[in-house]
N, C-alpha and C. Protein backbone atom coordinates (compact mmCIF):
# COMPACT_ATOMS: atom_id res chain seq x y z
N MET A 1 -14.36 25.40 -43.23
CA MET A 1 -13.46 24.34 -42.89
C MET A 1 -12.40 24.83 -41.89
N ILE A 2 -11.97 26.05 -42.04
CA ILE A 2 -10.91 26.56 -41.16
C ILE A 2 -11.39 26.63 -39.71
N GLN A 3 -12.65 26.99 -39.51
CA GLN A 3 -13.18 27.05 -38.14
C GLN A 3 -13.20 25.66 -37.50
N ALA A 4 -13.54 24.65 -38.28
CA ALA A 4 -13.52 23.27 -37.76
C ALA A 4 -12.11 22.87 -37.37
N ASN A 5 -11.14 23.26 -38.17
CA ASN A 5 -9.74 22.95 -37.85
C ASN A 5 -9.32 23.65 -36.55
N PHE A 6 -9.75 24.88 -36.37
CA PHE A 6 -9.43 25.59 -35.13
C PHE A 6 -10.00 24.85 -33.92
N LYS A 7 -11.23 24.36 -34.06
CA LYS A 7 -11.87 23.62 -32.96
C LYS A 7 -11.08 22.35 -32.63
N ILE A 8 -10.62 21.66 -33.66
CA ILE A 8 -9.84 20.44 -33.45
C ILE A 8 -8.52 20.76 -32.75
N LEU A 9 -7.85 21.80 -33.19
CA LEU A 9 -6.59 22.20 -32.56
C LEU A 9 -6.82 22.58 -31.10
N ASP A 10 -7.89 23.33 -30.85
CA ASP A 10 -8.23 23.69 -29.47
C ASP A 10 -8.49 22.44 -28.63
N LYS A 11 -9.27 21.52 -29.18
CA LYS A 11 -9.61 20.28 -28.47
C LYS A 11 -8.35 19.48 -28.13
N GLY A 12 -7.37 19.52 -29.02
CA GLY A 12 -6.12 18.80 -28.80
C GLY A 12 -5.13 19.55 -27.93
N GLY A 13 -5.51 20.76 -27.50
CA GLY A 13 -4.61 21.55 -26.67
C GLY A 13 -3.37 22.02 -27.41
N ILE A 14 -3.50 22.21 -28.70
CA ILE A 14 -2.37 22.60 -29.53
C ILE A 14 -2.36 24.12 -29.68
N PRO A 15 -1.29 24.77 -29.23
CA PRO A 15 -1.21 26.22 -29.44
C PRO A 15 -0.99 26.51 -30.93
N PHE A 16 -1.71 27.47 -31.44
CA PHE A 16 -1.55 27.82 -32.84
C PHE A 16 -1.78 29.30 -33.03
N SER A 17 -1.34 29.78 -34.16
CA SER A 17 -1.47 31.19 -34.46
C SER A 17 -2.06 31.36 -35.85
N THR A 18 -2.86 32.36 -35.98
CA THR A 18 -3.33 32.78 -37.29
C THR A 18 -2.87 34.22 -37.50
N ALA A 19 -1.64 34.47 -37.06
CA ALA A 19 -1.10 35.81 -37.05
C ALA A 19 -0.79 36.37 -38.44
N ILE A 20 -0.95 35.56 -39.45
CA ILE A 20 -0.64 36.04 -40.79
C ILE A 20 -1.82 36.85 -41.30
N THR A 21 -1.69 38.15 -41.21
CA THR A 21 -2.79 39.01 -41.66
C THR A 21 -2.64 39.40 -43.12
N ASP A 22 -1.44 39.26 -43.64
CA ASP A 22 -1.17 39.65 -45.02
C ASP A 22 -0.97 38.40 -45.88
N ARG A 23 -1.98 37.51 -45.85
CA ARG A 23 -1.90 36.26 -46.61
C ARG A 23 -2.19 36.51 -48.07
N TRP A 24 -1.43 35.84 -48.88
CA TRP A 24 -1.69 35.85 -50.31
C TRP A 24 -2.02 34.44 -50.76
N CYS A 25 -2.61 34.33 -51.89
CA CYS A 25 -2.83 33.03 -52.52
C CYS A 25 -1.48 32.33 -52.64
N CYS A 26 -1.49 31.01 -52.60
CA CYS A 26 -0.25 30.24 -52.70
C CYS A 26 0.44 30.44 -54.05
N GLY A 27 -0.31 30.83 -55.06
CA GLY A 27 0.25 31.04 -56.39
C GLY A 27 -0.01 29.88 -57.34
N ALA A 28 -0.63 28.81 -56.84
CA ALA A 28 -0.86 27.64 -57.70
C ALA A 28 -1.70 27.98 -58.94
N PRO A 29 -2.78 28.75 -58.83
CA PRO A 29 -3.54 29.07 -60.04
C PRO A 29 -2.68 29.78 -61.09
N ALA A 30 -1.83 30.69 -60.64
CA ALA A 30 -0.94 31.39 -61.58
C ALA A 30 0.07 30.41 -62.18
N TRP A 31 0.65 29.55 -61.34
CA TRP A 31 1.63 28.57 -61.80
C TRP A 31 1.01 27.65 -62.86
N ILE A 32 -0.16 27.11 -62.55
CA ILE A 32 -0.84 26.18 -63.45
C ILE A 32 -1.21 26.86 -64.77
N SER A 33 -1.54 28.15 -64.70
CA SER A 33 -1.93 28.90 -65.90
C SER A 33 -0.74 29.41 -66.70
N GLY A 34 0.45 29.17 -66.21
CA GLY A 34 1.65 29.59 -66.94
C GLY A 34 2.19 30.95 -66.56
N TYR A 35 1.60 31.57 -65.55
CA TYR A 35 2.07 32.88 -65.10
C TYR A 35 3.12 32.68 -64.00
N ARG A 36 4.28 32.20 -64.41
CA ARG A 36 5.32 31.82 -63.45
C ARG A 36 5.85 33.01 -62.66
N ASP A 37 5.97 34.18 -63.30
CA ASP A 37 6.45 35.37 -62.58
C ASP A 37 5.50 35.75 -61.45
N LEU A 38 4.20 35.68 -61.72
CA LEU A 38 3.21 35.99 -60.70
C LEU A 38 3.26 34.96 -59.58
N ALA A 39 3.40 33.68 -59.94
CA ALA A 39 3.52 32.63 -58.93
C ALA A 39 4.74 32.86 -58.06
N GLN A 40 5.84 33.26 -58.67
CA GLN A 40 7.06 33.51 -57.90
C GLN A 40 6.87 34.71 -56.96
N LYS A 41 6.17 35.72 -57.41
CA LYS A 41 5.89 36.88 -56.56
C LYS A 41 5.10 36.45 -55.32
N HIS A 42 4.10 35.60 -55.52
CA HIS A 42 3.31 35.09 -54.40
C HIS A 42 4.17 34.23 -53.48
N ALA A 43 4.99 33.37 -54.06
CA ALA A 43 5.86 32.50 -53.26
C ALA A 43 6.83 33.33 -52.42
N GLN A 44 7.43 34.34 -53.01
CA GLN A 44 8.38 35.19 -52.27
C GLN A 44 7.69 35.91 -51.12
N HIS A 45 6.51 36.44 -51.38
CA HIS A 45 5.77 37.14 -50.34
C HIS A 45 5.42 36.18 -49.19
N ASN A 46 4.84 35.02 -49.54
CA ASN A 46 4.43 34.06 -48.52
C ASN A 46 5.61 33.50 -47.75
N ALA A 47 6.69 33.19 -48.44
CA ALA A 47 7.88 32.65 -47.78
C ALA A 47 8.46 33.67 -46.80
N ALA A 48 8.51 34.93 -47.20
CA ALA A 48 9.02 35.97 -46.31
C ALA A 48 8.13 36.13 -45.08
N THR A 49 6.83 36.07 -45.28
CA THR A 49 5.89 36.20 -44.17
C THR A 49 6.04 35.05 -43.19
N ILE A 50 6.07 33.82 -43.70
CA ILE A 50 6.20 32.64 -42.84
C ILE A 50 7.57 32.63 -42.15
N THR A 51 8.61 32.94 -42.88
CA THR A 51 9.96 32.94 -42.31
C THR A 51 10.06 33.93 -41.15
N SER A 52 9.41 35.06 -41.28
CA SER A 52 9.47 36.06 -40.20
C SER A 52 8.79 35.56 -38.93
N LEU A 53 7.83 34.67 -39.05
CA LEU A 53 7.12 34.13 -37.89
C LEU A 53 7.84 32.94 -37.26
N GLN A 54 8.71 32.30 -38.00
CA GLN A 54 9.49 31.14 -37.55
C GLN A 54 8.66 30.03 -36.92
N PRO A 55 7.62 29.57 -37.62
CA PRO A 55 6.83 28.46 -37.05
C PRO A 55 7.57 27.14 -37.19
N LYS A 56 7.21 26.20 -36.35
CA LYS A 56 7.77 24.85 -36.47
C LYS A 56 7.01 24.06 -37.52
N ILE A 57 5.70 24.28 -37.57
CA ILE A 57 4.82 23.56 -38.49
C ILE A 57 3.88 24.56 -39.15
N VAL A 58 3.63 24.36 -40.42
CA VAL A 58 2.61 25.13 -41.14
C VAL A 58 1.58 24.11 -41.63
N LEU A 59 0.33 24.31 -41.24
CA LEU A 59 -0.75 23.40 -41.63
C LEU A 59 -1.52 23.94 -42.82
N PHE A 60 -1.93 23.02 -43.68
CA PHE A 60 -2.72 23.37 -44.86
C PHE A 60 -3.96 22.50 -44.89
N ASP A 61 -5.11 23.10 -45.09
CA ASP A 61 -6.29 22.28 -45.33
C ASP A 61 -6.57 22.17 -46.82
N CYS A 62 -5.87 22.95 -47.62
CA CYS A 62 -6.00 22.87 -49.08
C CYS A 62 -4.82 22.08 -49.64
N PRO A 63 -5.09 20.92 -50.23
CA PRO A 63 -4.00 20.11 -50.78
C PRO A 63 -3.20 20.82 -51.87
N GLU A 64 -3.85 21.61 -52.70
CA GLU A 64 -3.13 22.29 -53.78
C GLU A 64 -2.14 23.30 -53.21
N CYS A 65 -2.53 24.00 -52.15
CA CYS A 65 -1.61 24.93 -51.49
C CYS A 65 -0.40 24.19 -50.92
N LEU A 66 -0.67 23.08 -50.24
CA LEU A 66 0.43 22.29 -49.67
C LEU A 66 1.36 21.81 -50.77
N HIS A 67 0.79 21.32 -51.85
CA HIS A 67 1.61 20.85 -52.98
C HIS A 67 2.46 21.99 -53.53
N MET A 68 1.89 23.15 -53.68
CA MET A 68 2.62 24.31 -54.20
C MET A 68 3.78 24.66 -53.28
N TRP A 69 3.52 24.72 -51.98
CA TRP A 69 4.55 25.09 -51.02
C TRP A 69 5.65 24.03 -50.94
N LYS A 70 5.27 22.76 -50.96
CA LYS A 70 6.26 21.69 -50.84
C LYS A 70 7.07 21.49 -52.12
N THR A 71 6.42 21.58 -53.25
CA THR A 71 7.05 21.21 -54.51
C THR A 71 7.63 22.40 -55.26
N TYR A 72 6.85 23.45 -55.40
CA TYR A 72 7.27 24.54 -56.27
C TYR A 72 7.97 25.69 -55.56
N TYR A 73 7.65 25.94 -54.31
CA TYR A 73 8.36 27.02 -53.63
C TYR A 73 9.87 26.79 -53.63
N PRO A 74 10.36 25.59 -53.33
CA PRO A 74 11.81 25.38 -53.40
C PRO A 74 12.37 25.63 -54.81
N GLN A 75 11.61 25.24 -55.83
CA GLN A 75 12.05 25.47 -57.21
C GLN A 75 12.09 26.96 -57.55
N LEU A 76 11.26 27.73 -56.86
CA LEU A 76 11.20 29.18 -57.10
C LEU A 76 12.19 29.94 -56.20
N GLY A 77 13.02 29.19 -55.49
CA GLY A 77 14.03 29.82 -54.63
C GLY A 77 13.47 30.31 -53.32
N THR A 78 12.33 29.76 -52.89
CA THR A 78 11.72 30.20 -51.64
C THR A 78 11.39 29.00 -50.75
N PRO A 79 12.41 28.21 -50.39
CA PRO A 79 12.12 27.06 -49.52
C PRO A 79 11.69 27.51 -48.13
N ILE A 80 10.88 26.69 -47.50
CA ILE A 80 10.38 26.97 -46.16
C ILE A 80 11.03 26.00 -45.19
N LYS A 81 11.54 26.49 -44.07
CA LYS A 81 12.22 25.63 -43.11
C LYS A 81 11.26 24.89 -42.19
N ALA A 82 10.05 25.37 -42.06
CA ALA A 82 9.06 24.73 -41.19
C ALA A 82 8.58 23.42 -41.82
N GLU A 83 8.05 22.55 -40.97
CA GLU A 83 7.44 21.32 -41.47
C GLU A 83 6.09 21.69 -42.08
N LEU A 84 5.84 21.22 -43.30
CA LEU A 84 4.60 21.53 -44.01
C LEU A 84 3.74 20.29 -44.01
N LEU A 85 2.53 20.40 -43.44
CA LEU A 85 1.66 19.24 -43.29
C LEU A 85 0.23 19.55 -43.70
N HIS A 86 -0.43 18.53 -44.23
CA HIS A 86 -1.87 18.62 -44.45
C HIS A 86 -2.54 18.38 -43.09
N THR A 87 -3.67 19.00 -42.89
CA THR A 87 -4.36 18.85 -41.60
C THR A 87 -4.63 17.40 -41.26
N SER A 88 -4.95 16.57 -42.26
CA SER A 88 -5.23 15.16 -41.97
C SER A 88 -4.00 14.45 -41.41
N GLU A 89 -2.82 14.81 -41.90
CA GLU A 89 -1.59 14.21 -41.38
C GLU A 89 -1.35 14.64 -39.93
N PHE A 90 -1.56 15.92 -39.69
CA PHE A 90 -1.32 16.45 -38.35
C PHE A 90 -2.33 15.91 -37.36
N PHE A 91 -3.59 15.83 -37.76
CA PHE A 91 -4.62 15.33 -36.85
C PHE A 91 -4.40 13.86 -36.54
N LEU A 92 -3.94 13.09 -37.51
CA LEU A 92 -3.62 11.70 -37.24
C LEU A 92 -2.47 11.60 -36.24
N ARG A 93 -1.51 12.48 -36.37
CA ARG A 93 -0.40 12.54 -35.40
C ARG A 93 -0.95 12.79 -33.99
N LEU A 94 -1.90 13.71 -33.88
CA LEU A 94 -2.50 14.00 -32.58
C LEU A 94 -3.25 12.79 -32.03
N VAL A 95 -3.94 12.07 -32.91
CA VAL A 95 -4.66 10.87 -32.48
C VAL A 95 -3.67 9.84 -31.95
N LYS A 96 -2.59 9.63 -32.68
CA LYS A 96 -1.58 8.65 -32.26
C LYS A 96 -0.90 9.04 -30.95
N GLN A 97 -0.84 10.34 -30.67
CA GLN A 97 -0.26 10.84 -29.42
C GLN A 97 -1.29 10.93 -28.30
N ASN A 98 -2.50 10.45 -28.57
CA ASN A 98 -3.62 10.50 -27.62
C ASN A 98 -4.00 11.92 -27.21
N LYS A 99 -3.72 12.88 -28.07
CA LYS A 99 -4.14 14.25 -27.80
C LYS A 99 -5.53 14.52 -28.36
N LEU A 100 -5.94 13.68 -29.30
CA LEU A 100 -7.30 13.73 -29.84
C LEU A 100 -7.86 12.33 -29.77
N LYS A 101 -9.11 12.24 -29.37
CA LYS A 101 -9.76 10.93 -29.29
C LYS A 101 -11.12 11.02 -29.95
N PHE A 102 -11.48 9.95 -30.60
CA PHE A 102 -12.80 9.86 -31.20
C PHE A 102 -13.78 9.36 -30.16
N LYS A 103 -15.00 9.85 -30.25
CA LYS A 103 -16.05 9.32 -29.39
C LYS A 103 -16.35 7.89 -29.84
N ALA A 104 -16.68 7.05 -28.88
CA ALA A 104 -17.02 5.66 -29.21
C ALA A 104 -18.29 5.66 -30.05
N ARG A 105 -18.26 4.93 -31.15
CA ARG A 105 -19.41 4.82 -32.04
C ARG A 105 -19.55 3.38 -32.46
N GLU A 106 -20.77 2.96 -32.58
CA GLU A 106 -21.00 1.62 -33.07
C GLU A 106 -20.99 1.60 -34.59
N GLU A 107 -21.48 2.69 -35.18
CA GLU A 107 -21.52 2.72 -36.64
C GLU A 107 -20.21 3.31 -37.17
N LYS A 108 -19.89 2.96 -38.38
CA LYS A 108 -18.70 3.51 -39.02
C LYS A 108 -19.01 4.93 -39.46
N ILE A 109 -17.99 5.75 -39.51
CA ILE A 109 -18.17 7.12 -39.98
C ILE A 109 -17.46 7.29 -41.31
N ALA A 110 -17.97 8.18 -42.10
CA ALA A 110 -17.36 8.48 -43.40
C ALA A 110 -16.51 9.74 -43.25
N VAL A 111 -15.37 9.71 -43.88
CA VAL A 111 -14.48 10.87 -43.89
C VAL A 111 -14.34 11.31 -45.33
N THR A 112 -14.55 12.58 -45.57
CA THR A 112 -14.44 13.12 -46.92
C THR A 112 -13.30 14.11 -46.95
N PHE A 113 -12.42 13.97 -47.92
CA PHE A 113 -11.28 14.87 -48.05
C PHE A 113 -11.52 15.90 -49.13
N HIS A 114 -11.14 17.12 -48.84
CA HIS A 114 -11.17 18.19 -49.83
C HIS A 114 -10.07 17.92 -50.85
N ASP A 115 -10.40 17.89 -52.10
CA ASP A 115 -9.45 17.71 -53.19
C ASP A 115 -8.62 16.43 -53.05
N PRO A 116 -9.29 15.27 -52.97
CA PRO A 116 -8.57 14.02 -52.75
C PRO A 116 -7.63 13.64 -53.89
N CYS A 117 -7.87 14.14 -55.10
CA CYS A 117 -6.97 13.81 -56.21
C CYS A 117 -5.58 14.38 -55.96
N VAL A 118 -5.51 15.63 -55.54
CA VAL A 118 -4.21 16.24 -55.25
C VAL A 118 -3.59 15.56 -54.03
N LEU A 119 -4.40 15.27 -53.03
CA LEU A 119 -3.87 14.57 -51.85
C LEU A 119 -3.24 13.24 -52.24
N GLY A 120 -3.94 12.46 -53.02
CA GLY A 120 -3.46 11.13 -53.37
C GLY A 120 -2.41 11.12 -54.47
N ARG A 121 -2.67 11.78 -55.55
CA ARG A 121 -1.79 11.70 -56.72
C ARG A 121 -0.53 12.55 -56.59
N LYS A 122 -0.67 13.75 -56.09
CA LYS A 122 0.49 14.64 -56.01
C LYS A 122 1.23 14.52 -54.68
N LEU A 123 0.48 14.35 -53.59
CA LEU A 123 1.11 14.34 -52.26
C LEU A 123 1.23 12.95 -51.66
N GLU A 124 0.62 11.97 -52.31
CA GLU A 124 0.65 10.58 -51.85
C GLU A 124 0.12 10.41 -50.42
N ILE A 125 -0.87 11.22 -50.10
CA ILE A 125 -1.56 11.10 -48.81
C ILE A 125 -2.89 10.42 -49.10
N THR A 126 -3.00 9.16 -48.70
CA THR A 126 -4.21 8.41 -48.99
C THR A 126 -4.74 7.79 -47.71
N SER A 127 -5.98 7.99 -47.46
CA SER A 127 -6.67 7.40 -46.31
C SER A 127 -5.83 7.40 -45.05
N PRO A 128 -5.46 8.57 -44.54
CA PRO A 128 -4.57 8.60 -43.38
C PRO A 128 -5.16 7.94 -42.14
N LEU A 129 -6.47 7.83 -42.05
CA LEU A 129 -7.05 7.22 -40.85
C LEU A 129 -7.25 5.72 -40.98
N VAL A 130 -6.93 5.15 -42.14
CA VAL A 130 -7.12 3.72 -42.34
C VAL A 130 -6.34 2.90 -41.34
N ASN A 131 -5.14 3.32 -41.02
CA ASN A 131 -4.29 2.54 -40.11
C ASN A 131 -4.56 2.85 -38.64
N TYR A 132 -5.53 3.71 -38.38
CA TYR A 132 -5.81 4.06 -36.99
C TYR A 132 -6.60 2.97 -36.33
């Protein structure tokens, strides 16, 4: 999935970096399992790494990671100053800015979201392309 996202960003002419070589898990599995200290360790590490890079936007293709960063990182004392977005939100933004265009098709296409329950129930991101 990450390679497809890179292709979309390239197609939209969006400069991006994958400079984070020391990535850790977001900590959600530890948080959900009750290992709050471990989750906080992951949050502190990730927040320090992202803060050092000073990005304007951080994209997530995993809804659970985005939920963890948006909801629990601030509670763990590790808020992120960058805008945190799911790839579907960001790609819709690019479409609305005419930086990405769909090929003309006569048939409808199906869009499948990874982990739609977290997207819809926790992040309230539902059918972002419906209004397009």
